Amino acid sequence: MASVDEKDEAGVIEILYYLSGLAARYANEGLESDTKRLIEYIKKIGIASALAGQETVVTNTILLFSPVAKEACRQGMENALVCIALALGEIGKAAAGQKMEGPAKTAATCLGEMGNTPGFTKTRKEIIAVIFALGEIGKSLTKQSLGDVANSTVTLLGETGKAAASQKFEDATLNVEFLLQEIGTGAIEKNLQETASTSARLLGDISRVADRQGLERALLQAVYSLEAIKFDAEDRYLMSASIIAEVALMRFESMDLDKLEEKVNESFRGKRRLTYTD
């Protein structure tokens, strides 16, 4: 016979299935405000379940956003998709904070699908929300020293960054670079060499796309971020991350970075990090 806790979890999951089905129906009918209201309600259940250590409920919560997202995408509900991305980020962050690797990875994977698969429209607003959410999960995982899941999350963040750069969403690309630097240096502090190395490698990849697309601010920021990771990695004797960053920086040796910086500063006074606002 199931324990009281298991019965409680089963009851919550049943409610989640009902709410998800209702949200998908509202999305199909074009009722965006009602859809968003239910997404917020589902998110609150997911966060509360994470804090209560109910891993099965958290995983189900995350997966049940998928049918809602597909309907919202079909109906062109950009704000609902943004709401889903941010909800996944908050639940994934809460799960990571409780060292729930499975749900955190599932949330990051769902976000990666939203940011990188052809099935989603990937507007600038959606991409920024996905980036913000992945960054929150990645930082939380790194803080908890969950290296394997942090590494996979960083990879998804970097791939989304390349997608943003290819669409010439420069502000989104910049935010990815800031996040990769922050996660990379945080990983160095936690001695997570693979995550630090992956952050450096992806910054190099994004810089190449930014260069092709003429995103000068993003190109310059990639240099700053790579230098920060290289310096911190050398200081902590994480040679792999240091070498990857150094190799990525080699392609900039023939560039007049002072001239590029002067040009960027003339066209954009003050580089600011993005924060997400709906």
Protein backbone atom coordinates (compact mmCIF):
# COMPACT_ATOMS: atom_id res chain seq x y z
CA MET A 1 0.00 0.00 0.00
CA ALA A 2 1.25 3.49 -0.85
CA SER A 3 2.35 5.77 1.96
CA VAL A 4 0.49 8.97 2.74
CA ASP A 5 3.27 10.97 1.03
CA GLU A 6 3.03 8.90 -2.13
CA LYS A 7 -0.75 9.31 -2.15
CA ASP A 8 -0.32 13.06 -1.73
CA GLU A 9 2.14 13.18 -4.61
CA ALA A 10 -0.19 11.17 -6.82
CA GLY A 11 -2.98 13.62 -6.02
CA VAL A 12 -0.83 16.62 -6.88
CA ILE A 13 0.25 15.01 -10.16
CA GLU A 14 -3.40 14.36 -11.04
CA ILE A 15 -4.16 18.06 -10.44
CA LEU A 16 -1.16 19.04 -12.59
CA TYR A 17 -2.42 16.91 -15.50
CA TYR A 18 -5.80 18.61 -15.22
CA LEU A 19 -4.28 22.10 -15.13
CA SER A 20 -1.94 21.35 -18.04
CA GLY A 21 -4.80 20.00 -20.15
CA LEU A 22 -6.90 23.04 -19.36
CA ALA A 23 -4.04 25.41 -20.18
CA ALA A 24 -3.45 23.64 -23.51
CA ARG A 25 -7.15 23.95 -24.31
CA TYR A 26 -7.14 27.66 -23.48
CA ALA A 27 -4.08 28.11 -25.68
CA ASN A 28 -5.77 26.25 -28.53
CA GLU A 29 -8.75 28.59 -28.17
CA GLY A 30 -6.53 31.67 -28.26
CA LEU A 31 -7.17 32.65 -24.64
CA GLU A 32 -3.68 33.88 -23.80
CA SER A 33 -4.41 35.63 -20.49
CA ASP A 34 -6.16 32.52 -19.14
CA THR A 35 -3.30 30.35 -20.40
CA LYS A 36 -0.73 32.53 -18.63
CA ARG A 37 -2.74 32.45 -15.41
CA LEU A 38 -2.66 28.64 -15.38
CA ILE A 39 1.05 28.56 -16.28
CA GLU A 40 1.76 30.70 -13.21
CA TYR A 41 -0.32 28.39 -11.05
CA ILE A 42 1.48 25.30 -12.34
CA LYS A 43 4.83 27.05 -11.75
CA LYS A 44 3.98 27.72 -8.11
CA ILE A 45 3.15 24.04 -7.59
CA GLY A 46 6.46 23.06 -9.20
CA ILE A 47 8.53 25.38 -7.03
CA ALA A 48 6.72 24.34 -3.85
CA SER A 49 7.23 20.68 -4.75
CA ALA A 50 10.95 21.27 -5.31
CA LEU A 51 11.31 22.93 -1.92
CA ALA A 52 9.41 20.01 -0.37
CA GLY A 53 11.77 17.49 -1.98
CA GLN A 54 9.06 15.90 -4.15
CA GLU A 55 11.23 15.08 -7.16
CA THR A 56 8.60 13.05 -9.04
CA VAL A 57 6.11 15.90 -8.84
CA VAL A 58 8.73 18.42 -10.00
CA THR A 59 9.65 16.31 -13.03
CA ASN A 60 5.99 15.89 -13.98
CA THR A 61 5.40 19.63 -13.60
CA ILE A 62 8.24 20.40 -15.98
CA LEU A 63 7.15 17.89 -18.61
CA LEU A 64 3.54 19.05 -18.50
CA PHE A 65 4.53 22.46 -19.84
CA SER A 66 5.36 20.87 -23.21
CA PRO A 67 1.80 20.40 -24.56
CA VAL A 68 0.92 23.92 -23.46
CA ALA A 69 4.01 25.33 -25.18
CA LYS A 70 3.20 23.53 -28.43
CA GLU A 71 -0.34 24.91 -28.49
CA ALA A 72 0.89 28.40 -27.58
CA CYS A 73 3.42 28.22 -30.40
CA ARG A 74 0.78 27.15 -32.91
CA GLN A 75 -1.38 30.10 -31.88
CA GLY A 76 1.53 32.57 -31.93
CA MET A 77 1.20 33.36 -28.23
CA GLU A 78 4.58 34.95 -27.62
CA ASN A 79 3.80 36.12 -24.08
CA ALA A 80 2.58 32.68 -23.03
CA LEU A 81 5.79 31.10 -24.38
CA VAL A 82 7.86 33.65 -22.48
CA CYS A 83 5.86 32.81 -19.35
CA ILE A 84 6.59 29.09 -19.84
CA ALA A 85 10.32 29.69 -20.36
CA LEU A 86 10.58 31.77 -17.21
CA ALA A 87 8.53 29.21 -15.25
CA LEU A 88 10.87 26.42 -16.35
CA GLY A 89 13.81 28.54 -15.26
CA GLU A 90 12.38 29.18 -11.81
CA ILE A 91 11.44 25.54 -11.23
CA GLY A 92 14.79 24.33 -12.57
CA LYS A 93 16.64 26.79 -10.36
CA ALA A 94 14.66 25.64 -7.30
CA ALA A 95 15.34 21.99 -8.18
CA ALA A 96 19.05 22.67 -8.59
CA GLY A 97 19.10 24.47 -5.26
CA GLN A 98 17.76 21.25 -3.68
CA LYS A 99 20.39 19.22 -5.59
CA MET A 100 17.72 17.53 -7.74
CA GLU A 101 19.85 16.84 -10.81
CA GLY A 102 17.15 15.02 -12.81
CA PRO A 103 14.47 17.74 -12.74
CA ALA A 104 17.05 20.51 -13.25
CA LYS A 105 18.39 18.73 -16.34
CA THR A 106 14.86 18.13 -17.64
CA ALA A 107 13.99 21.82 -17.25
CA ALA A 108 17.18 22.84 -19.08
CA THR A 109 16.50 20.34 -21.87
CA CYS A 110 12.96 21.70 -22.34
CA LEU A 111 14.37 25.22 -22.53
CA GLY A 112 16.99 24.10 -25.02
CA GLU A 113 14.22 22.74 -27.24
CA MET A 114 12.41 26.07 -27.06
CA GLY A 115 15.56 27.95 -28.02
CA ASN A 116 17.04 25.66 -30.64
CA THR A 117 14.44 23.49 -32.44
CA PRO A 118 12.65 24.48 -35.66
CA GLY A 119 9.25 23.82 -34.06
CA PHE A 120 9.39 27.03 -32.04
CA THR A 121 9.20 30.52 -33.51
CA LYS A 122 12.19 31.82 -31.51
CA THR A 123 11.34 35.52 -31.49
CA ARG A 124 13.77 37.89 -29.81
CA LYS A 125 11.58 38.08 -26.72
CA GLU A 126 11.34 34.28 -26.43
CA ILE A 127 15.07 33.80 -26.97
CA ILE A 128 15.91 36.30 -24.23
CA ALA A 129 13.53 34.53 -21.83
CA VAL A 130 15.10 31.13 -22.63
CA ILE A 131 18.61 32.55 -22.14
CA PHE A 132 17.68 34.12 -18.81
CA ALA A 133 16.08 30.87 -17.60
CA LEU A 134 18.99 28.67 -18.68
CA GLY A 135 21.39 31.06 -17.01
CA GLU A 136 19.50 30.88 -13.72
CA ILE A 137 19.57 27.08 -13.78
CA GLY A 138 23.23 26.98 -14.81
CA LYS A 139 24.29 29.33 -12.02
CA SER A 140 22.34 27.37 -9.41
CA LEU A 141 23.82 24.06 -10.58
CA THR A 142 27.33 25.50 -10.50
CA LYS A 143 26.79 26.90 -7.02
CA GLN A 144 25.78 23.40 -5.87
CA SER A 145 28.84 21.87 -7.62
CA LEU A 146 26.61 19.67 -9.81
CA GLY A 147 29.17 19.61 -12.60
CA ASP A 148 27.68 17.12 -15.07
CA VAL A 149 24.28 18.80 -15.24
CA ALA A 150 25.85 22.25 -15.13
CA ASN A 151 27.95 21.32 -18.14
CA SER A 152 24.97 20.12 -20.17
CA THR A 153 23.03 23.26 -19.22
CA VAL A 154 25.92 25.50 -20.25
CA THR A 155 26.04 23.68 -23.60
CA LEU A 156 22.35 24.43 -24.18
CA LEU A 157 22.93 28.06 -23.18
CA GLY A 158 25.80 28.36 -25.64
CA GLU A 159 23.81 26.78 -28.47
CA THR A 160 20.99 29.23 -27.80
CA GLY A 161 23.57 32.01 -27.88
CA LYS A 162 24.75 30.90 -31.31
CA ALA A 163 21.14 30.83 -32.50
CA ALA A 164 20.66 34.37 -31.16
CA ALA A 165 23.82 35.59 -32.89
CA SER A 166 22.81 33.97 -36.17
CA GLN A 167 19.52 35.92 -36.01
CA LYS A 168 21.45 39.11 -35.18
CA PHE A 169 19.84 39.45 -31.74
CA GLU A 170 22.88 41.24 -30.36
CA ASP A 171 21.46 42.10 -26.94
CA ALA A 172 20.52 38.44 -26.43
CA THR A 173 23.97 37.36 -27.59
CA LEU A 174 25.61 39.73 -25.14
CA ASN A 175 23.55 38.34 -22.31
CA VAL A 176 24.68 34.79 -23.15
CA GLU A 177 28.30 35.95 -23.09
CA PHE A 178 27.86 37.59 -19.69
CA LEU A 179 26.23 34.43 -18.35
CA LEU A 180 28.90 32.12 -19.78
CA GLN A 181 31.55 34.29 -18.17
CA GLU A 182 29.73 34.27 -14.82
CA ILE A 183 29.10 30.52 -14.90
CA GLY A 184 32.61 29.83 -16.20
CA THR A 185 34.34 31.82 -13.46
CA GLY A 186 31.95 30.32 -10.89
CA ALA A 187 32.84 26.85 -12.14
CA ILE A 188 36.54 27.66 -11.76
CA GLU A 189 35.92 28.67 -8.16
CA LYS A 190 34.15 25.33 -7.56
CA ASN A 191 36.89 23.42 -9.43
CA LEU A 192 34.44 22.28 -12.12
CA GLN A 193 36.99 22.13 -14.91
CA GLU A 194 34.70 20.67 -17.60
CA THR A 195 32.04 23.36 -17.09
CA ALA A 196 34.70 26.09 -17.16
CA SER A 197 36.23 24.64 -20.33
CA THR A 198 32.84 24.32 -22.01
CA SER A 199 32.03 27.95 -21.17
CA ALA A 200 35.28 29.08 -22.80
CA ARG A 201 34.77 26.90 -25.88
CA LEU A 202 31.23 28.19 -26.41
CA LEU A 203 32.36 31.79 -26.05
CA GLY A 204 34.80 31.11 -28.87
CA ASP A 205 32.03 29.57 -30.99
CA ILE A 206 29.70 32.52 -30.38
CA SER A 207 32.46 34.98 -31.25
CA ARG A 208 32.83 33.39 -34.67
CA VAL A 209 29.11 33.69 -35.38
CA ALA A 210 29.11 37.27 -34.07
CA ASP A 211 32.02 38.10 -36.36
CA ARG A 212 30.21 36.67 -39.41
CA GLN A 213 27.07 38.62 -38.55
CA GLY A 214 28.90 41.88 -37.88
CA LEU A 215 27.91 42.02 -34.19
CA GLU A 216 30.79 44.17 -33.00
CA ARG A 217 29.65 44.63 -29.41
CA ALA A 218 29.18 40.89 -29.02
CA LEU A 219 32.57 40.24 -30.62
CA LEU A 220 34.29 42.59 -28.20
CA GLN A 221 32.43 41.16 -25.20
CA ALA A 222 33.55 37.66 -26.17
CA VAL A 223 37.15 38.87 -25.85
CA TYR A 224 36.50 40.35 -22.40
CA SER A 225 34.73 37.18 -21.21
CA LEU A 226 37.42 34.86 -22.54
CA GLU A 227 40.14 36.94 -20.90
CA ALA A 228 38.29 36.77 -17.57
CA ILE A 229 37.99 32.98 -17.74
CA LYS A 230 41.62 32.60 -18.86
CA PHE A 231 42.88 34.77 -15.98
CA ASP A 232 40.79 32.99 -13.33
CA ALA A 233 41.64 29.53 -14.71
CA GLU A 234 45.37 30.27 -14.64
CA ASP A 235 45.06 31.60 -11.11
CA ARG A 236 43.43 28.31 -9.98
CA TYR A 237 45.68 26.07 -12.13
CA LEU A 238 42.80 24.77 -14.27
CA MET A 239 44.96 24.48 -17.34
CA SER A 240 42.38 22.95 -19.67
CA ALA A 241 40.01 25.92 -19.37
CA SER A 242 42.93 28.34 -19.57
CA ILE A 243 44.28 26.75 -22.77
CA ILE A 244 40.84 26.64 -24.45
CA ALA A 245 40.31 30.33 -23.66
CA GLU A 246 43.80 31.20 -24.88
CA VAL A 247 43.30 29.33 -28.16
CA ALA A 248 39.95 31.09 -28.69
CA LEU A 249 41.65 34.45 -28.07
CA MET A 250 44.33 33.74 -30.69
CA ARG A 251 41.92 34.51 -33.53
CA PHE A 252 41.70 38.09 -32.26
CA GLU A 253 45.45 38.71 -32.42
CA SER A 254 45.27 40.19 -35.91
CA MET A 255 42.41 42.52 -34.95
CA ASP A 256 42.89 46.08 -33.76
CA LEU A 257 40.85 45.64 -30.58
CA ASP A 258 41.53 49.17 -29.35
CA LYS A 259 40.08 50.57 -32.55
CA LEU A 260 37.10 48.20 -32.34
CA GLU A 261 36.48 49.20 -28.72
CA GLU A 262 36.61 52.88 -29.63
CA LYS A 263 34.13 52.30 -32.46
CA VAL A 264 31.77 50.33 -30.23
CA ASN A 265 31.94 52.96 -27.47
CA GLU A 266 31.10 55.70 -29.96
CA SER A 267 27.98 53.88 -31.13
CA PHE A 268 26.93 52.52 -27.74
CA ARG A 269 27.78 54.37 -24.56
CA GLY A 270 28.03 51.92 -21.67
CA LYS A 271 27.58 48.17 -21.90
CA ARG A 272 24.71 46.98 -19.72
CA ARG A 273 23.73 43.49 -18.81
CA LEU A 274 20.21 42.48 -19.76
CA THR A 275 17.65 41.67 -17.12
CA TYR A 276 14.45 40.03 -18.23
CA THR A 277 11.21 41.97 -18.00
CA ASP A 278 7.96 40.71 -19.41
